[in-house]
Amino acid sequence: MTVATHAAEMTAKVFDLLRYTAFFFLLINAILVVYRPIMDVYTDSEASSTDEVRHKSAADCYAASRRTANVDSISLRRRINYSQIATAVPHLDADCRSTTLTRLGTDLSFSCPKNSLMLQTESRSSPPLHDNCPTAFIVGARKAGTSSLYQYLSNHPDFEGTSLDLGPKAGETFYFSAHYDDKSWDSYLSFFPSGGVMTGDASVGNLVHCLVPKRMFGSCGKQAKIIILLRNPVKRFVSNFLMRARLSTNRIRNTTALTTVVKSELDTFFAEVFQRNIVPDVSELPQKWTELRCLFLPSTNMVFEGLYYVHVMNWLCNFPPENILVINSEEFYRNTSVILKQVLQFLDLRPLPQDTLSWITSTVYNQGKYYEIPPYQRLTPMDRKKLARVYEPFNRALFELLDWKTVNWSN
C-alpha cells in the first residue's frame, strides 16, 4: 500500500467519524427539543409542591424569572398551554416582595389627617353602592408602564381586558375622574366583558384626581384593587410631552419645543401654589400634601402629575391600604416577569408557568420612539435641573414612605 493510498483511507475514516459525530449531536438536540417542555413542567410541578424554598434576596427573586422562550408571530393567548397552569411555579412569597421594590399599602408606615376616609369607621364599614365592579384598577402614573401591564394581565386566562385593540387607550374609561357625574353605572359597565371573568380599568387619570379614591371606595368598596406604577418623574414628564407632541394634544404640537413647555408647566404650577398661599419654600411642599392634592385635575399640569408622594398619600388615606399595590416602573421594566408574578398574587389570579410569563412579557406596549426626537424636543441640562429641584423633596418623602433606599431618580 502506497503512502498516498494510506493517506486517502485515513482521510475517508476521519470524514466518516465527523459525519457520525454530527449525526449524534443532531440526534441529541432533537431529543432535547422534544423533552425539554416536559422537563420544564416537571420542574415547575416540583417547585409548586414544596413550601421549603424561599427567595431571600432580590437576586434570587430575579433569577427565578430569567428563563427565556422563543416568541413567534402566533397570538400570545393561543400560545399559552393552559393545561400547565395547575403545575405552574408558585407566587412569589413575602420575602420577595420585601427584597424587590413592590409595596403593599399595609407594608407602609404613615399617618393621615383626621378627615381621611380610612379613619372614619362608619364610612369605611358602609357597604359599596355596587357589587359588580371591575377588580383591577391600574390608576397610573401616566407613561409609567400602565399599558404594558394591562395587556399582560389581559393574556391571563382568568382575566379579560377591554378595548385591547386601541393601543394606549386599552382599558381606559375615565369614569371616576371625568364622567362620574354625567354617566350612569350601567354605561360604565358596558365597557367591560360580562360573564363573571375578572376584568380591569386602566384609566391613568385616576391616580392624580383627588376625589377618585373616595368615589371608587363608595362605589366598589374592597372589591377594587389598586395598582400604582411610579417612574422617574423627570423622565415621565419628558415621555408625556413627547406623546402629546406626537398626537398633537393638550395644546402641544410636533413643532413645540420642550423647553417652552417646561417653563409653562412650572409657571402654571407655582402660580397656583402661590395663589393658594400654601408655602413659598419648595422643600416644605411635601408636608402640605393635603393642600396640594386637589391643585389640578388630570392632564392639566404635567409637573403636578409627577408629585407622587401627594397622590400616593391621598390614596393610602382614602382607600383600604391592603388593596393598594405600588410598583417601581424601572424595576418593572428590568424584571417584568418577577413584578407580574407579584401582581397576579395581589389580584388572586392563578400563577402561570415561567415560559408563559416570558411569552406574555416579550412585548413592550406604547413605547416611545426616542431615536426620532428632534433637537428642540430634547431635555436641556438646565431644564432637567429645574424639574429635579421641584421633584427632589417629593421624591425624598416618597422614598422614605416606600422604603426605597436603593432608588435614584436624580439622573
Protein backbone atom coordinates (compact mmCIF):
# COMPACT_ATOMS: atom_id res chain seq x y z
CA MET A 1 0.00 0.00 0.00
CA THR A 2 1.42 3.32 -1.04
CA VAL A 3 1.63 6.29 1.27
CA ALA A 4 -0.90 8.12 -0.88
CA THR A 5 -3.43 5.29 -0.65
CA HIS A 6 -3.00 5.06 3.10
CA ALA A 7 -3.49 8.80 3.49
CA ALA A 8 -6.66 8.68 1.39
CA GLU A 9 -8.09 5.86 3.55
CA MET A 10 -7.29 7.77 6.76
CA THR A 11 -8.91 10.90 5.39
CA ALA A 12 -12.06 8.95 4.50
CA LYS A 13 -12.21 7.49 8.01
CA VAL A 14 -11.85 10.96 9.56
CA PHE A 15 -14.73 12.30 7.43
CA ASP A 16 -16.86 9.28 8.38
CA LEU A 17 -16.14 9.95 12.06
CA LEU A 18 -17.11 13.61 11.66
CA ARG A 19 -20.38 12.65 9.95
CA TYR A 20 -21.26 10.19 12.71
CA THR A 21 -20.39 12.79 15.37
CA ALA A 22 -22.55 15.44 13.69
CA PHE A 23 -25.43 12.97 13.38
CA PHE A 24 -25.06 12.09 17.08
CA PHE A 25 -25.26 15.74 18.20
CA LEU A 26 -28.23 16.41 15.91
CA LEU A 27 -30.00 13.41 17.44
CA ILE A 28 -29.31 14.62 21.00
CA ASN A 29 -30.55 18.12 20.13
CA ALA A 30 -33.76 16.70 18.65
CA ILE A 31 -34.38 14.69 21.81
CA LEU A 32 -33.85 17.78 23.97
CA VAL A 33 -36.28 19.82 21.85
CA VAL A 34 -38.96 17.18 22.33
CA TYR A 35 -38.43 16.52 26.03
CA ARG A 36 -37.42 19.94 27.38
CA PRO A 37 -41.05 21.21 27.72
CA ILE A 38 -41.90 18.01 29.60
CA MET A 39 -38.95 18.54 31.93
CA ASP A 40 -39.95 22.18 32.43
CA VAL A 41 -43.44 21.16 33.51
CA TYR A 42 -41.94 18.53 35.82
CA THR A 43 -39.58 21.10 37.32
CA ASP A 44 -42.40 23.63 37.81
CA SER A 45 -44.53 20.92 39.41
CA GLU A 46 -41.74 20.07 41.83
CA ALA A 47 -41.33 23.75 42.71
CA SER A 48 -45.04 24.16 43.40
CA SER A 49 -45.26 21.08 45.60
CA THR A 50 -42.92 22.34 48.31
CA ASP A 51 -43.04 25.24 50.74
CA GLU A 52 -39.44 24.82 51.83
CA VAL A 53 -37.80 27.06 49.22
CA ARG A 54 -37.99 30.76 49.96
CA HIS A 55 -36.39 33.59 47.99
CA LYS A 56 -34.16 35.51 50.39
CA SER A 57 -32.67 38.15 48.13
CA ALA A 58 -33.61 40.24 45.14
CA ALA A 59 -31.04 38.30 43.09
CA ASP A 60 -32.81 35.04 43.94
CA CYS A 61 -36.17 36.55 43.01
CA TYR A 62 -34.86 37.87 39.71
CA ALA A 63 -33.08 34.63 38.81
CA ALA A 64 -36.38 32.81 39.01
CA SER A 65 -37.74 34.93 36.17
CA ARG A 66 -34.89 34.85 33.67
CA ARG A 67 -35.60 31.66 31.77
CA THR A 68 -36.47 32.76 28.26
CA ALA A 69 -38.65 31.38 25.49
CA ASN A 70 -38.81 31.91 21.76
CA VAL A 71 -41.72 34.01 20.50
CA ASP A 72 -43.17 33.84 17.02
CA SER A 73 -45.99 35.71 15.31
CA ILE A 74 -48.71 33.44 16.73
CA SER A 75 -51.08 35.14 19.18
CA LEU A 76 -49.75 35.02 22.73
CA ARG A 77 -53.13 33.99 24.04
CA ARG A 78 -53.17 30.98 21.72
CA ARG A 79 -49.61 30.02 22.67
CA ILE A 80 -50.44 29.63 26.36
CA ASN A 81 -50.70 26.00 27.41
CA TYR A 82 -53.49 26.30 29.94
CA SER A 83 -53.10 22.67 30.98
CA GLN A 84 -49.78 23.60 32.60
CA ILE A 85 -51.26 26.22 34.89
CA ALA A 86 -52.05 23.73 37.63
CA THR A 87 -48.34 22.89 37.87
CA ALA A 88 -47.04 26.43 37.45
CA VAL A 89 -44.41 27.89 39.73
CA PRO A 90 -45.86 29.34 42.93
CA HIS A 91 -46.40 33.04 43.50
CA LEU A 92 -43.52 34.98 45.00
CA ASP A 93 -43.61 34.94 48.76
CA ALA A 94 -43.44 37.85 51.19
CA ASP A 95 -39.63 37.76 51.20
CA CYS A 96 -39.57 38.57 47.50
CA ARG A 97 -41.95 41.48 47.90
CA SER A 98 -39.70 42.99 50.54
CA THR A 99 -36.49 42.48 48.57
CA THR A 100 -37.96 43.97 45.42
CA LEU A 101 -39.40 47.50 45.37
CA THR A 102 -43.05 46.42 45.24
CA ARG A 103 -45.06 47.55 48.25
CA LEU A 104 -48.49 46.76 49.64
CA GLY A 105 -50.19 49.58 51.45
CA THR A 106 -50.03 47.51 54.64
CA ASP A 107 -46.21 47.36 54.32
CA LEU A 108 -46.01 51.09 54.92
CA SER A 109 -45.95 53.34 57.97
CA PHE A 110 -47.84 56.63 57.57
CA SER A 111 -50.31 58.90 59.29
CA CYS A 112 -53.42 60.51 57.84
CA PRO A 113 -55.37 63.68 58.65
CA LYS A 114 -58.47 63.25 60.82
CA ASN A 115 -60.91 63.75 57.96
CA SER A 116 -59.44 60.88 55.92
CA LEU A 117 -61.94 58.26 54.83
CA MET A 118 -59.90 55.40 56.30
CA LEU A 119 -60.11 56.99 59.76
CA GLN A 120 -63.91 57.22 59.62
CA THR A 121 -65.15 53.90 60.96
CA GLU A 122 -68.73 54.35 59.81
CA SER A 123 -67.76 55.31 56.26
CA ARG A 124 -65.21 52.52 55.97
CA SER A 125 -67.71 49.89 57.08
CA SER A 126 -70.52 51.08 54.81
CA PRO A 127 -71.43 48.64 52.02
CA PRO A 128 -70.48 49.74 48.49
CA LEU A 129 -73.11 51.02 46.10
CA HIS A 130 -72.38 48.27 43.56
CA ASP A 131 -71.39 44.60 43.73
CA ASN A 132 -70.36 44.21 40.09
CA CYS A 133 -67.24 46.36 39.90
CA PRO A 134 -64.13 45.56 37.89
CA THR A 135 -61.47 44.06 40.14
CA ALA A 136 -58.20 45.59 38.92
CA PHE A 137 -57.67 49.34 38.66
CA ILE A 138 -54.33 50.41 37.18
CA VAL A 139 -54.60 54.06 38.15
CA GLY A 140 -51.26 55.41 36.87
CA ALA A 141 -48.91 57.03 36.64
CA ARG A 142 -49.28 58.11 33.05
CA LYS A 143 -46.32 56.95 30.87
CA ALA A 144 -45.09 54.57 33.59
CA GLY A 145 -45.80 51.15 32.06
CA THR A 146 -49.56 51.00 32.59
CA SER A 147 -50.36 49.98 29.01
CA SER A 148 -47.95 47.05 29.11
CA LEU A 149 -49.18 45.81 32.48
CA TYR A 150 -52.81 45.94 31.34
CA GLN A 151 -52.00 43.99 28.17
CA TYR A 152 -50.01 41.41 30.14
CA LEU A 153 -52.90 40.85 32.54
CA SER A 154 -55.26 40.50 29.59
CA ASN A 155 -53.27 37.47 28.42
CA HIS A 156 -54.09 35.61 31.62
CA PRO A 157 -56.84 33.03 31.03
CA ASP A 158 -58.83 34.30 34.02
CA PHE A 159 -58.62 38.00 33.11
CA GLU A 160 -60.25 39.74 30.18
CA GLY A 161 -59.31 43.30 29.34
CA THR A 162 -61.32 45.76 27.28
CA SER A 163 -60.52 47.75 24.12
CA LEU A 164 -57.21 45.92 23.69
CA ASP A 165 -57.09 46.90 20.02
CA LEU A 166 -56.96 50.60 20.94
CA GLY A 167 -53.29 50.50 21.94
CA PRO A 168 -52.54 53.02 24.71
CA LYS A 169 -56.28 53.58 25.25
CA ALA A 170 -56.87 49.94 26.21
CA GLY A 171 -58.82 49.73 29.45
CA GLU A 172 -59.30 53.49 29.70
CA THR A 173 -62.78 54.72 30.64
CA PHE A 174 -62.05 57.81 32.79
CA TYR A 175 -65.36 57.19 34.51
CA PHE A 176 -64.27 58.00 38.08
CA SER A 177 -62.16 61.02 37.11
CA ALA A 178 -64.12 62.65 34.25
CA HIS A 179 -67.57 61.06 33.86
CA TYR A 180 -68.61 60.22 37.42
CA ASP A 181 -71.39 62.81 37.41
CA ASP A 182 -72.59 62.55 33.81
CA LYS A 183 -72.63 58.80 33.02
CA SER A 184 -74.62 56.03 34.63
CA TRP A 185 -73.11 52.98 36.31
CA ASP A 186 -74.62 50.74 33.64
CA SER A 187 -72.96 52.77 30.91
CA TYR A 188 -69.64 52.35 32.73
CA LEU A 189 -70.07 48.59 33.00
CA SER A 190 -70.83 48.38 29.28
CA PHE A 191 -67.13 48.94 28.64
CA PHE A 192 -66.26 45.60 30.21
CA PRO A 193 -66.88 41.94 29.34
CA SER A 194 -69.66 40.12 31.16
CA GLY A 195 -69.82 36.53 32.31
CA GLY A 196 -68.06 36.59 35.66
CA VAL A 197 -64.48 36.79 34.36
CA MET A 198 -62.11 39.19 36.14
CA THR A 199 -61.58 42.46 34.32
CA GLY A 200 -59.99 45.83 34.98
CA ASP A 201 -59.85 49.56 34.37
CA ALA A 202 -56.62 51.28 33.29
CA SER A 203 -57.63 54.96 33.43
CA VAL A 204 -54.39 56.72 34.31
CA GLY A 205 -56.13 59.94 35.37
CA ASN A 206 -57.35 58.14 38.49
CA LEU A 207 -54.01 58.50 40.27
CA VAL A 208 -53.98 62.30 40.36
CA HIS A 209 -57.70 63.13 40.68
CA CYS A 210 -58.09 63.85 44.38
CA LEU A 211 -61.71 62.63 44.61
CA VAL A 212 -61.29 59.28 42.86
CA PRO A 213 -60.24 57.23 45.96
CA LYS A 214 -63.42 58.19 47.83
CA ARG A 215 -65.58 57.77 44.74
CA MET A 216 -64.16 54.36 44.00
CA PHE A 217 -64.44 53.14 47.57
CA GLY A 218 -68.04 54.33 47.77
CA SER A 219 -68.88 52.55 44.51
CA CYS A 220 -66.83 49.37 44.82
CA GLY A 221 -65.51 49.04 48.37
CA LYS A 222 -62.93 46.32 48.82
CA GLN A 223 -63.88 44.67 45.54
CA ALA A 224 -61.47 47.08 43.86
CA LYS A 225 -57.71 46.51 43.93
CA ILE A 226 -55.49 49.46 43.08
CA ILE A 227 -52.19 49.18 41.21
CA ILE A 228 -49.87 52.21 41.06
CA LEU A 229 -46.74 52.34 38.89
CA LEU A 230 -44.23 55.11 39.60
CA ARG A 231 -41.50 56.19 37.18
CA ASN A 232 -38.70 58.74 37.48
CA PRO A 233 -40.86 61.91 37.36
CA VAL A 234 -38.49 63.87 35.11
CA LYS A 235 -38.44 61.05 32.56
CA ARG A 236 -42.18 60.68 32.91
CA PHE A 237 -42.59 64.41 32.19
CA VAL A 238 -40.49 64.15 29.01
CA SER A 239 -42.27 60.99 27.86
CA ASN A 240 -45.66 62.62 28.47
CA PHE A 241 -44.58 65.67 26.46
CA LEU A 242 -43.33 63.55 23.55
CA MET A 243 -46.59 61.60 23.44
CA ARG A 244 -48.61 64.83 23.35
CA ALA A 245 -46.34 66.25 20.65
CA ARG A 246 -46.71 63.12 18.55
CA LEU A 247 -50.50 63.13 18.93
CA SER A 248 -50.87 66.95 18.86
CA THR A 249 -52.97 67.08 22.03
CA ASN A 250 -53.28 69.42 25.04
CA ARG A 251 -52.03 72.45 23.11
CA ILE A 252 -48.73 70.72 22.28
CA ARG A 253 -47.77 70.15 18.65
CA ASN A 254 -44.97 68.33 16.90
CA THR A 255 -43.25 71.69 16.40
CA THR A 256 -43.40 72.67 20.08
CA ALA A 257 -40.08 72.99 21.89
CA LEU A 258 -39.73 71.07 25.15
CA THR A 259 -38.06 73.98 26.96
CA THR A 260 -41.15 76.11 26.25
CA VAL A 261 -43.40 73.50 27.85
CA VAL A 262 -41.13 73.05 30.88
CA LYS A 263 -41.31 76.78 31.58
CA SER A 264 -45.05 76.96 31.01
CA GLU A 265 -45.86 73.96 33.24
CA LEU A 266 -43.60 75.17 36.05
CA ASP A 267 -45.03 78.69 35.87
CA THR A 268 -48.59 77.36 35.99
CA PHE A 269 -47.79 75.07 38.90
CA PHE A 270 -46.17 77.73 41.07
CA ALA A 271 -48.79 80.34 40.18
CA GLU A 272 -51.45 78.02 41.61
CA VAL A 273 -49.33 77.22 44.68
CA PHE A 274 -48.76 80.90 45.47
CA GLN A 275 -52.37 81.82 44.78
CA ARG A 276 -53.47 79.36 47.44
CA ASN A 277 -50.82 80.64 49.87
CA ILE A 278 -49.55 77.14 50.55
CA VAL A 279 -45.79 77.62 51.22
CA PRO A 280 -43.11 79.59 49.43
CA ASP A 281 -40.30 77.08 50.10
CA VAL A 282 -40.23 74.07 47.72
CA SER A 283 -38.54 71.88 50.34
CA GLU A 284 -41.59 72.22 52.63
CA LEU A 285 -44.20 71.38 50.00
CA PRO A 286 -44.44 67.61 50.67
CA GLN A 287 -45.58 68.33 54.24
CA LYS A 288 -48.52 70.20 52.73
CA TRP A 289 -49.71 67.31 50.61
CA THR A 290 -53.30 67.63 51.80
CA GLU A 291 -53.38 71.19 50.44
CA LEU A 292 -51.74 70.16 47.17
CA ARG A 293 -53.75 67.05 46.37
CA CYS A 294 -56.57 68.90 44.57
CA LEU A 295 -54.37 71.53 42.96
CA PHE A 296 -55.01 70.35 39.37
CA LEU A 297 -57.26 67.95 37.50
CA PRO A 298 -55.68 65.12 35.47
CA SER A 299 -53.83 66.17 32.28
CA THR A 300 -53.86 69.87 33.20
CA ASN A 301 -50.34 70.15 34.63
CA MET A 302 -47.51 67.72 33.92
CA VAL A 303 -45.43 68.89 36.87
CA PHE A 304 -48.28 68.10 39.27
CA GLU A 305 -48.69 64.58 37.87
CA GLY A 306 -45.14 63.75 38.99
CA LEU A 307 -45.70 64.68 42.65
CA TYR A 308 -46.17 61.03 43.53
CA TYR A 309 -45.93 61.46 47.29
CA VAL A 310 -49.03 63.65 47.21
CA HIS A 311 -51.03 61.20 45.12
CA VAL A 312 -49.94 58.03 46.94
CA MET A 313 -50.72 59.53 50.35
CA ASN A 314 -54.16 60.60 49.11
CA TRP A 315 -54.86 57.01 48.07
CA LEU A 316 -53.48 55.45 51.26
CA CYS A 317 -55.63 57.69 53.45
CA ASN A 318 -58.84 57.33 51.45
CA PHE A 319 -58.80 53.72 50.27
CA PRO A 320 -58.06 50.45 52.13
CA PRO A 321 -54.23 50.17 52.16
CA GLU A 322 -54.41 46.37 51.92
CA ASN A 323 -55.94 46.86 48.48
CA ILE A 324 -53.16 49.10 47.14
CA LEU A 325 -50.02 47.83 45.40
CA VAL A 326 -47.21 50.25 44.48
CA ILE A 327 -44.68 49.26 41.81
CA ASN A 328 -41.42 50.87 40.77
CA SER A 329 -41.61 51.27 36.99
CA GLU A 330 -37.88 50.98 36.39
CA GLU A 331 -37.85 47.65 38.19
CA PHE A 332 -40.93 46.61 36.24
CA TYR A 333 -39.02 47.32 33.01
CA ARG A 334 -35.93 45.38 34.18
CA ASN A 335 -37.59 42.39 35.83
CA THR A 336 -41.00 42.24 34.23
CA SER A 337 -41.79 38.59 34.96
CA VAL A 338 -41.00 38.97 38.66
CA ILE A 339 -43.24 42.00 39.06
CA LEU A 340 -46.02 40.44 37.00
CA LYS A 341 -45.98 37.45 39.35
CA GLN A 342 -46.49 39.80 42.27
CA VAL A 343 -49.40 41.49 40.50
CA LEU A 344 -51.04 38.11 39.83
CA GLN A 345 -50.69 37.27 43.50
CA PHE A 346 -52.17 40.62 44.52
CA LEU A 347 -55.19 40.04 42.26
CA ASP A 348 -55.59 36.42 43.40
CA LEU A 349 -55.05 35.18 39.85
CA ARG A 350 -53.61 31.72 39.30
CA PRO A 351 -49.82 31.67 38.80
CA LEU A 352 -48.54 30.97 35.30
CA PRO A 353 -45.57 28.86 34.13
CA GLN A 354 -42.36 30.81 33.68
CA ASP A 355 -42.23 30.17 29.92
CA THR A 356 -45.74 31.58 29.61
CA LEU A 357 -44.72 34.69 31.56
CA SER A 358 -41.78 35.09 29.18
CA TRP A 359 -44.09 34.93 26.15
CA ILE A 360 -46.53 37.40 27.68
CA THR A 361 -43.92 39.98 28.69
CA SER A 362 -41.84 39.82 25.49
CA THR A 363 -43.65 42.86 24.04
CA VAL A 364 -43.49 46.43 25.35
CA TYR A 365 -46.65 48.42 24.63
CA ASN A 366 -46.99 52.14 23.92
CA GLN A 367 -43.23 52.61 23.92
CA GLY A 368 -41.91 56.00 22.82
CA LYS A 369 -39.68 56.21 19.74
CA TYR A 370 -36.91 58.23 21.31
CA TYR A 371 -34.49 57.86 18.41
CA GLU A 372 -36.77 60.14 16.36
CA ILE A 373 -36.68 63.09 18.79
CA PRO A 374 -35.67 66.36 17.09
CA PRO A 375 -33.10 68.51 18.97
CA TYR A 376 -35.65 71.13 20.07
CA GLN A 377 -37.66 68.43 21.86
CA ARG A 378 -34.76 67.08 23.92
CA LEU A 379 -34.39 67.98 27.59
CA THR A 380 -31.63 70.50 28.25
CA PRO A 381 -29.42 70.22 31.36
CA MET A 382 -30.89 73.47 32.67
CA ASP A 383 -34.49 72.28 32.29
CA ARG A 384 -33.57 68.98 33.92
CA LYS A 385 -32.26 70.89 36.96
CA LYS A 386 -35.43 72.99 37.14
CA LEU A 387 -37.68 69.93 37.20
CA ALA A 388 -35.40 67.97 39.54
CA ARG A 389 -35.40 70.85 42.02
CA VAL A 390 -39.19 70.65 42.32
CA TYR A 391 -39.36 66.86 42.44
CA GLU A 392 -36.44 66.22 44.81
CA PRO A 393 -38.24 66.86 48.15
CA PHE A 394 -41.28 64.88 47.00
CA ASN A 395 -39.08 62.00 45.85
CA ARG A 396 -37.26 62.02 49.19
CA ALA A 397 -40.56 61.82 51.08
CA LEU A 398 -41.80 59.07 48.75
CA PHE A 399 -38.63 57.00 49.15
CA GLU A 400 -38.95 57.21 52.92
CA LEU A 401 -42.61 56.20 52.78
CA LEU A 402 -41.95 53.23 50.46
CA ASP A 403 -38.56 52.30 51.93
CA TRP A 404 -36.96 52.70 48.51
CA LYS A 405 -33.42 53.09 49.77
CA THR A 406 -31.77 51.98 46.53
CA VAL A 407 -33.77 54.15 44.11
CA ASN A 408 -32.03 57.10 42.48
CA TRP A 409 -34.15 59.47 40.41
CA SER A 410 -31.59 62.25 40.36
CA ASN A 411 -30.26 61.40 36.87
